[in-house]
Amino acid sequence: MNHPQEWQDDVPAGPGGAMTDEVGVITGPLTLRTVAAPDGKIRFEVQYTDADEWYTLSGSPLPHGDPHALHRAALAAIRAGNGAQAPAAPA
């Protein structure tokens, strides 16, 4: 059975925060979780650090890509803020 690969890191959101599908922009100390599902899709989820609720980072899921590299790119985007969204997968 294939288990999804997962990366999770705390990240301070830059000015303008991160854009989510469910509640719009969230700001402050956030946690990013990137999950590479067995179907190949890469999901990005964010939450206020230590909260219970997870939100979908806008632009997620991506159909393919290097999940660890994309996790690092998403962390950089959230640090930069400006309504950060999921990074684009390379063509």
C-alpha atoms as a PDB file:
ATOM      1  CA  MET A   1       0.000   0.000   0.000  1.00  0.00           C
ATOM      2  CA  ASN A   2       1.361   3.430  -0.956  1.00  0.00           C
ATOM      3  CA  HIS A   3       1.466   5.939   1.856  1.00  0.00           C
ATOM      4  CA  PRO A   4       1.507   9.615   1.012  1.00  0.00           C
ATOM      5  CA  GLN A   5       4.727  11.553   1.496  1.00  0.00           C
ATOM      6  CA  GLU A   6       4.306  14.565   3.749  1.00  0.00           C
ATOM      7  CA  TRP A   7       6.324  17.618   4.793  1.00  0.00           C
ATOM      8  CA  GLN A   8       5.276  20.084   7.483  1.00  0.00           C
ATOM      9  CA  ASP A   9       6.928  23.301   8.654  1.00  0.00           C
ATOM     10  CA  ASP A  10       6.028  26.391  10.636  1.00  0.00           C
ATOM     11  CA  VAL A  11       6.396  29.599   8.638  1.00  0.00           C
ATOM     12  CA  PRO A  12       5.705  33.260   9.439  1.00  0.00           C
ATOM     13  CA  ALA A  13       3.469  34.746   6.758  1.00  0.00           C
ATOM     14  CA  GLY A  14       4.798  37.887   5.139  1.00  0.00           C
ATOM     15  CA  PRO A  15       2.700  41.047   4.632  1.00  0.00           C
ATOM     16  CA  GLY A  16      -0.468  40.080   2.793  1.00  0.00           C
ATOM     17  CA  GLY A  17      -0.400  36.506   4.128  1.00  0.00           C
ATOM     18  CA  ALA A  18      -1.409  33.331   2.326  1.00  0.00           C
ATOM     19  CA  MET A  19      -4.561  32.885   0.214  1.00  0.00           C
ATOM     20  CA  THR A  20      -6.851  29.967   1.089  1.00  0.00           C
ATOM     21  CA  ASP A  21      -9.863  28.589  -0.770  1.00  0.00           C
ATOM     22  CA  GLU A  22     -12.038  28.440   2.345  1.00  0.00           C
ATOM     23  CA  VAL A  23     -11.478  31.724   4.235  1.00  0.00           C
ATOM     24  CA  GLY A  24      -9.386  33.973   1.986  1.00  0.00           C
ATOM     25  CA  VAL A  25      -6.147  35.452   3.296  1.00  0.00           C
ATOM     26  CA  ILE A  26      -4.685  34.235   6.595  1.00  0.00           C
ATOM     27  CA  THR A  27      -1.728  35.909   8.284  1.00  0.00           C
ATOM     28  CA  GLY A  28       0.604  35.481  11.234  1.00  0.00           C
ATOM     29  CA  PRO A  29       2.430  32.347  12.345  1.00  0.00           C
ATOM     30  CA  LEU A  30       1.272  29.548  10.032  1.00  0.00           C
ATOM     31  CA  THR A  31       2.020  25.885   9.478  1.00  0.00           C
ATOM     32  CA  LEU A  32       2.329  24.532   5.933  1.00  0.00           C
ATOM     33  CA  ARG A  33       1.714  20.855   5.198  1.00  0.00           C
ATOM     34  CA  THR A  34       2.523  19.480   1.749  1.00  0.00           C
ATOM     35  CA  VAL A  35       1.211  16.005   0.912  1.00  0.00           C
ATOM     36  CA  ALA A  36       2.210  13.958  -2.136  1.00  0.00           C
ATOM     37  CA  ALA A  37      -0.743  11.628  -2.546  1.00  0.00           C
ATOM     38  CA  PRO A  38      -0.490   8.148  -4.101  1.00  0.00           C
ATOM     39  CA  ASP A  39      -2.398   9.463  -7.167  1.00  0.00           C
ATOM     40  CA  GLY A  40       0.526  11.830  -7.875  1.00  0.00           C
ATOM     41  CA  LYS A  41      -1.284  15.010  -6.883  1.00  0.00           C
ATOM     42  CA  ILE A  42       0.448  17.406  -4.499  1.00  0.00           C
ATOM     43  CA  ARG A  43      -1.755  19.135  -1.914  1.00  0.00           C
ATOM     44  CA  PHE A  44      -0.827  22.211   0.100  1.00  0.00           C
ATOM     45  CA  GLU A  45      -2.645  22.901   3.361  1.00  0.00           C
ATOM     46  CA  VAL A  46      -2.088  25.768   5.816  1.00  0.00           C
ATOM     47  CA  GLN A  47      -3.290  26.476   9.313  1.00  0.00           C
ATOM     48  CA  TYR A  48      -2.716  28.996  12.044  1.00  0.00           C
ATOM     49  CA  THR A  49       0.127  27.355  13.996  1.00  0.00           C
ATOM     50  CA  ASP A  50      -1.288  25.028  16.696  1.00  0.00           C
ATOM     51  CA  ALA A  51      -4.890  25.424  15.456  1.00  0.00           C
ATOM     52  CA  ASP A  52      -7.137  22.463  14.624  1.00  0.00           C
ATOM     53  CA  GLU A  53      -8.491  23.677  11.269  1.00  0.00           C
ATOM     54  CA  TRP A  54      -6.541  23.193   8.026  1.00  0.00           C
ATOM     55  CA  TYR A  55      -7.239  25.248   4.893  1.00  0.00           C
ATOM     56  CA  THR A  56      -6.402  24.593   1.241  1.00  0.00           C
ATOM     57  CA  LEU A  57      -3.690  26.909  -0.096  1.00  0.00           C
ATOM     58  CA  SER A  58      -5.211  28.437  -3.243  1.00  0.00           C
ATOM     59  CA  GLY A  59      -3.923  26.763  -6.387  1.00  0.00           C
ATOM     60  CA  SER A  60      -3.773  23.358  -4.689  1.00  0.00           C
ATOM     61  CA  PRO A  61      -3.638  20.522  -5.611  1.00  0.00           C
ATOM     62  CA  LEU A  62      -1.031  20.419  -8.334  1.00  0.00           C
ATOM     63  CA  PRO A  63      -1.135  17.498 -10.779  1.00  0.00           C
ATOM     64  CA  HIS A  64       2.596  16.670 -10.494  1.00  0.00           C
ATOM     65  CA  GLY A  65       6.068  17.906  -9.583  1.00  0.00           C
ATOM     66  CA  ASP A  66       8.840  17.359  -7.046  1.00  0.00           C
ATOM     67  CA  PRO A  67       6.866  17.581  -3.784  1.00  0.00           C
ATOM     68  CA  HIS A  68       9.813  18.506  -1.546  1.00  0.00           C
ATOM     69  CA  ALA A  69      10.990  21.256  -3.925  1.00  0.00           C
ATOM     70  CA  LEU A  70       7.416  22.534  -4.198  1.00  0.00           C
ATOM     71  CA  HIS A  71       7.100  22.487  -0.377  1.00  0.00           C
ATOM     72  CA  ARG A  72      10.210  24.685  -0.146  1.00  0.00           C
ATOM     73  CA  ALA A  73       8.819  27.000  -2.857  1.00  0.00           C
ATOM     74  CA  ALA A  74       5.494  27.281  -1.008  1.00  0.00           C
ATOM     75  CA  LEU A  75       7.322  28.136   2.242  1.00  0.00           C
ATOM     76  CA  ALA A  76       9.221  30.899   0.419  1.00  0.00           C
ATOM     77  CA  ALA A  77       5.989  32.227  -1.105  1.00  0.00           C
ATOM     78  CA  ILE A  78       4.245  32.340   2.297  1.00  0.00           C
ATOM     79  CA  ARG A  79       7.265  34.100   3.856  1.00  0.00           C
ATOM     80  CA  ALA A  80       6.991  36.703   1.077  1.00  0.00           C
ATOM     81  CA  GLY A  81       3.228  37.076   1.648  1.00  0.00           C
ATOM     82  CA  ASN A  82       1.180  39.019  -0.912  1.00  0.00           C
ATOM     83  CA  GLY A  83      -1.683  36.491  -0.828  1.00  0.00           C
ATOM     84  CA  ALA A  84       0.708  33.582  -1.449  1.00  0.00           C
ATOM     85  CA  GLN A  85      -0.675  30.665  -3.427  1.00  0.00           C
ATOM     86  CA  ALA A  86       0.569  27.189  -4.273  1.00  0.00           C
ATOM     87  CA  PRO A  87       3.673  27.300  -6.472  1.00  0.00           C
ATOM     88  CA  ALA A  88       3.239  26.287 -10.082  1.00  0.00           C
ATOM     89  CA  ALA A  89       4.454  22.823 -11.023  1.00  0.00           C
ATOM     90  CA  PRO A  90       7.136  22.807 -13.708  1.00  0.00           C
ATOM     91  CA  ALA A  91       5.818  21.969 -17.165  1.00  0.00           C
END
